[in-house]
Amino acid sequence: MQDRYATYTPGLEYPARDAFSITPSDSNDLPEVTRALYVGGEGNVAASLASGAEVIFEGVSAGTVLPLRVSKILETGTTASAIIGLV
């Protein structure tokens, strides 16, 4: 399959090229820092951002993409489900 953009260097403004499922954990970091999160099931998302700041995004709707550089999704405070890390 042809990929016209295979030789381009992706920046943060480019769409994600890969994804992984996230299981919230208070102790484990994500395998890599995300460029965005997809939230499949509504609720709160407690996150540790790439800067180290911790924040809770309350009332995130199902199907939302949050453009966040995240290193951890915390179990404590997260009620949303089906969270996908986009990289």
N, C-alpha and C. Protein backbone atom coordinates (compact mmCIF):
# COMPACT_ATOMS: atom_id res chain seq x y z
N MET A 1 0.84 -1.16 0.00
CA MET A 1 0.00 0.00 0.00
C MET A 1 0.90 1.24 0.00
N GLN A 2 0.53 2.21 -0.78
CA GLN A 2 1.30 3.45 -0.88
C GLN A 2 1.03 4.34 0.33
N ASP A 3 2.08 4.93 0.86
CA ASP A 3 1.97 5.92 1.93
C ASP A 3 2.73 7.17 1.48
N ARG A 4 2.01 8.14 1.01
CA ARG A 4 2.61 9.36 0.47
C ARG A 4 3.44 10.11 1.51
N TYR A 5 3.18 9.86 2.77
CA TYR A 5 3.82 10.63 3.83
C TYR A 5 4.89 9.84 4.59
N ALA A 6 5.26 8.70 4.09
CA ALA A 6 6.22 7.83 4.78
C ALA A 6 7.57 8.50 5.00
N THR A 7 7.97 9.42 4.15
CA THR A 7 9.27 10.07 4.29
C THR A 7 9.21 11.39 5.05
N TYR A 8 8.02 11.79 5.49
CA TYR A 8 7.87 13.04 6.24
C TYR A 8 8.23 12.81 7.71
N THR A 9 8.83 13.79 8.32
CA THR A 9 9.10 13.74 9.74
C THR A 9 7.87 14.26 10.47
N PRO A 10 7.21 13.42 11.27
CA PRO A 10 5.98 13.86 11.93
C PRO A 10 6.26 14.81 13.09
N GLY A 11 5.50 15.87 13.16
CA GLY A 11 5.53 16.80 14.28
C GLY A 11 4.29 16.59 15.12
N LEU A 12 4.15 17.35 16.18
CA LEU A 12 2.99 17.20 17.06
C LEU A 12 1.69 17.59 16.38
N GLU A 13 1.77 18.38 15.31
CA GLU A 13 0.56 18.79 14.60
C GLU A 13 0.07 17.72 13.63
N TYR A 14 0.84 16.66 13.43
CA TYR A 14 0.47 15.58 12.53
C TYR A 14 -0.47 14.60 13.25
N PRO A 15 -1.27 13.87 12.49
CA PRO A 15 -2.14 12.88 13.12
C PRO A 15 -1.33 11.74 13.74
N ALA A 16 -1.94 11.05 14.67
CA ALA A 16 -1.29 9.92 15.33
C ALA A 16 -0.96 8.83 14.32
N ARG A 17 0.12 8.11 14.60
CA ARG A 17 0.55 7.02 13.72
C ARG A 17 0.40 5.65 14.37
N ASP A 18 0.12 5.63 15.68
CA ASP A 18 0.00 4.36 16.39
C ASP A 18 -0.90 4.59 17.60
N ALA A 19 -1.29 3.50 18.24
CA ALA A 19 -2.19 3.59 19.40
C ALA A 19 -1.99 2.37 20.30
N PHE A 20 -2.39 2.52 21.56
CA PHE A 20 -2.34 1.40 22.50
C PHE A 20 -3.44 1.58 23.55
N SER A 21 -3.96 0.46 24.04
CA SER A 21 -4.97 0.48 25.11
C SER A 21 -4.32 0.87 26.42
N ILE A 22 -5.07 1.59 27.23
CA ILE A 22 -4.55 2.04 28.52
C ILE A 22 -5.37 1.44 29.65
N THR A 23 -4.69 0.80 30.59
CA THR A 23 -5.29 0.36 31.84
C THR A 23 -4.82 1.32 32.91
N PRO A 24 -5.73 2.10 33.50
CA PRO A 24 -5.31 3.06 34.52
C PRO A 24 -4.55 2.39 35.66
N SER A 25 -3.50 3.06 36.14
CA SER A 25 -2.67 2.54 37.22
C SER A 25 -2.07 3.71 37.98
N ASP A 26 -2.08 3.63 39.29
CA ASP A 26 -1.47 4.67 40.11
C ASP A 26 0.05 4.53 40.17
N SER A 27 0.58 3.38 39.75
CA SER A 27 2.02 3.16 39.87
C SER A 27 2.76 3.01 38.55
N ASN A 28 2.11 2.52 37.51
CA ASN A 28 2.80 2.24 36.25
C ASN A 28 2.66 3.38 35.24
N ASP A 29 3.80 3.81 34.71
CA ASP A 29 3.79 4.78 33.61
C ASP A 29 3.31 4.10 32.34
N LEU A 30 2.85 4.90 31.39
CA LEU A 30 2.49 4.38 30.08
C LEU A 30 3.76 3.95 29.34
N PRO A 31 3.65 3.08 28.34
CA PRO A 31 4.84 2.65 27.61
C PRO A 31 5.54 3.80 26.87
N GLU A 32 4.78 4.83 26.53
CA GLU A 32 5.35 6.05 25.95
C GLU A 32 4.40 7.21 26.17
N VAL A 33 4.93 8.41 26.12
CA VAL A 33 4.12 9.61 26.31
C VAL A 33 3.21 9.76 25.09
N THR A 34 1.95 10.05 25.33
CA THR A 34 0.98 10.17 24.24
C THR A 34 1.05 11.53 23.55
N ARG A 35 0.45 11.61 22.38
CA ARG A 35 0.20 12.90 21.74
C ARG A 35 -1.27 13.26 21.93
N ALA A 36 -2.11 12.26 22.25
CA ALA A 36 -3.53 12.49 22.51
C ALA A 36 -4.11 11.24 23.17
N LEU A 37 -5.30 11.40 23.73
CA LEU A 37 -6.06 10.29 24.31
C LEU A 37 -7.42 10.21 23.63
N TYR A 38 -7.87 9.00 23.37
CA TYR A 38 -9.25 8.77 22.94
C TYR A 38 -9.96 8.16 24.13
N VAL A 39 -11.12 8.72 24.49
CA VAL A 39 -11.91 8.22 25.61
C VAL A 39 -13.18 7.59 25.05
N GLY A 40 -13.30 6.26 25.16
CA GLY A 40 -14.43 5.56 24.58
C GLY A 40 -15.68 5.56 25.43
N GLY A 41 -15.51 5.55 26.76
CA GLY A 41 -16.65 5.54 27.68
C GLY A 41 -16.59 6.74 28.60
N GLU A 42 -17.67 7.46 28.73
CA GLU A 42 -17.65 8.74 29.47
C GLU A 42 -17.30 8.58 30.94
N GLY A 43 -16.76 9.67 31.48
CA GLY A 43 -16.40 9.71 32.89
C GLY A 43 -15.25 10.67 33.10
N ASN A 44 -14.59 10.51 34.23
CA ASN A 44 -13.44 11.36 34.58
C ASN A 44 -12.14 10.68 34.16
N VAL A 45 -11.16 11.50 33.76
CA VAL A 45 -9.83 10.99 33.41
C VAL A 45 -8.82 11.70 34.30
N ALA A 46 -8.17 10.93 35.18
CA ALA A 46 -7.11 11.46 36.04
C ALA A 46 -5.78 11.14 35.35
N ALA A 47 -5.00 12.18 35.08
CA ALA A 47 -3.79 11.99 34.29
C ALA A 47 -2.59 12.69 34.91
N SER A 48 -1.43 12.10 34.67
CA SER A 48 -0.16 12.74 34.94
C SER A 48 0.37 13.18 33.59
N LEU A 49 0.49 14.49 33.40
CA LEU A 49 0.93 15.04 32.13
C LEU A 49 2.44 14.87 31.96
N ALA A 50 2.92 15.08 30.76
CA ALA A 50 4.35 14.93 30.48
C ALA A 50 5.19 15.84 31.37
N SER A 51 4.63 16.97 31.78
CA SER A 51 5.35 17.91 32.66
C SER A 51 5.45 17.42 34.09
N GLY A 52 4.64 16.40 34.45
CA GLY A 52 4.59 15.89 35.81
C GLY A 52 3.37 16.39 36.57
N ALA A 53 2.67 17.37 36.02
CA ALA A 53 1.45 17.88 36.67
C ALA A 53 0.37 16.81 36.63
N GLU A 54 -0.39 16.72 37.72
CA GLU A 54 -1.52 15.79 37.77
C GLU A 54 -2.81 16.58 37.75
N VAL A 55 -3.78 16.10 36.96
CA VAL A 55 -5.04 16.80 36.77
C VAL A 55 -6.15 15.79 36.54
N ILE A 56 -7.38 16.17 36.90
CA ILE A 56 -8.55 15.33 36.61
C ILE A 56 -9.44 16.10 35.63
N PHE A 57 -9.69 15.48 34.49
CA PHE A 57 -10.63 16.02 33.51
C PHE A 57 -11.98 15.40 33.83
N GLU A 58 -12.91 16.22 34.29
CA GLU A 58 -14.20 15.73 34.75
C GLU A 58 -15.24 15.74 33.63
N GLY A 59 -16.07 14.71 33.61
CA GLY A 59 -17.21 14.65 32.69
C GLY A 59 -16.83 14.58 31.23
N VAL A 60 -15.78 13.82 30.92
CA VAL A 60 -15.37 13.67 29.52
C VAL A 60 -16.41 12.79 28.81
N SER A 61 -16.92 13.26 27.69
CA SER A 61 -17.93 12.52 26.93
C SER A 61 -17.30 11.35 26.18
N ALA A 62 -18.10 10.30 25.98
CA ALA A 62 -17.65 9.16 25.18
C ALA A 62 -17.33 9.64 23.77
N GLY A 63 -16.24 9.14 23.22
CA GLY A 63 -15.85 9.49 21.87
C GLY A 63 -14.99 10.73 21.76
N THR A 64 -14.56 11.27 22.90
CA THR A 64 -13.74 12.49 22.91
C THR A 64 -12.27 12.16 22.67
N VAL A 65 -11.61 13.03 21.89
CA VAL A 65 -10.16 12.97 21.75
C VAL A 65 -9.60 14.18 22.48
N LEU A 66 -8.75 13.90 23.47
CA LEU A 66 -8.10 14.95 24.25
C LEU A 66 -6.66 15.10 23.76
N PRO A 67 -6.27 16.26 23.25
CA PRO A 67 -4.91 16.45 22.74
C PRO A 67 -3.93 16.69 23.89
N LEU A 68 -3.54 15.61 24.55
CA LEU A 68 -2.73 15.71 25.77
C LEU A 68 -1.48 14.84 25.67
N ARG A 69 -0.37 15.39 26.12
CA ARG A 69 0.86 14.61 26.27
C ARG A 69 0.85 14.06 27.70
N VAL A 70 0.55 12.78 27.82
CA VAL A 70 0.30 12.13 29.10
C VAL A 70 1.32 11.01 29.32
N SER A 71 1.83 10.90 30.56
CA SER A 71 2.76 9.83 30.89
C SER A 71 2.12 8.72 31.73
N LYS A 72 0.95 9.03 32.34
CA LYS A 72 0.28 8.05 33.18
C LYS A 72 -1.22 8.40 33.27
N ILE A 73 -2.07 7.38 33.23
CA ILE A 73 -3.48 7.54 33.55
C ILE A 73 -3.68 6.89 34.90
N LEU A 74 -4.10 7.70 35.86
CA LEU A 74 -4.22 7.23 37.24
C LEU A 74 -5.52 6.46 37.45
N GLU A 75 -5.42 5.36 38.20
CA GLU A 75 -6.61 4.58 38.54
C GLU A 75 -7.49 5.38 39.49
N THR A 76 -6.87 6.02 40.49
CA THR A 76 -7.61 6.84 41.44
C THR A 76 -8.12 8.08 40.74
N GLY A 77 -9.41 8.22 40.66
CA GLY A 77 -10.02 9.39 40.03
C GLY A 77 -10.49 9.17 38.61
N THR A 78 -10.06 8.07 37.97
CA THR A 78 -10.49 7.79 36.61
C THR A 78 -11.73 6.90 36.64
N THR A 79 -12.81 7.39 36.04
CA THR A 79 -14.04 6.60 35.92
C THR A 79 -14.38 6.33 34.46
N ALA A 80 -13.71 7.01 33.54
CA ALA A 80 -13.92 6.78 32.11
C ALA A 80 -13.37 5.41 31.74
N SER A 81 -13.84 4.88 30.62
CA SER A 81 -13.39 3.56 30.17
C SER A 81 -12.96 3.60 28.72
N ALA A 82 -12.38 2.51 28.27
CA ALA A 82 -11.94 2.35 26.88
C ALA A 82 -11.04 3.51 26.46
N ILE A 83 -10.00 3.75 27.25
CA ILE A 83 -9.06 4.83 26.97
C ILE A 83 -7.94 4.30 26.10
N ILE A 84 -7.66 5.02 25.03
CA ILE A 84 -6.63 4.65 24.07
C ILE A 84 -5.59 5.76 24.00
N GLY A 85 -4.31 5.41 24.09
CA GLY A 85 -3.23 6.36 23.90
C GLY A 85 -2.89 6.46 22.43
N LEU A 86 -2.87 7.66 21.90
CA LEU A 86 -2.52 7.90 20.50
C LEU A 86 -1.11 8.48 20.45
N VAL A 87 -0.26 7.91 19.60
CA VAL A 87 1.13 8.35 19.49
C VAL A 87 1.51 8.55 18.02
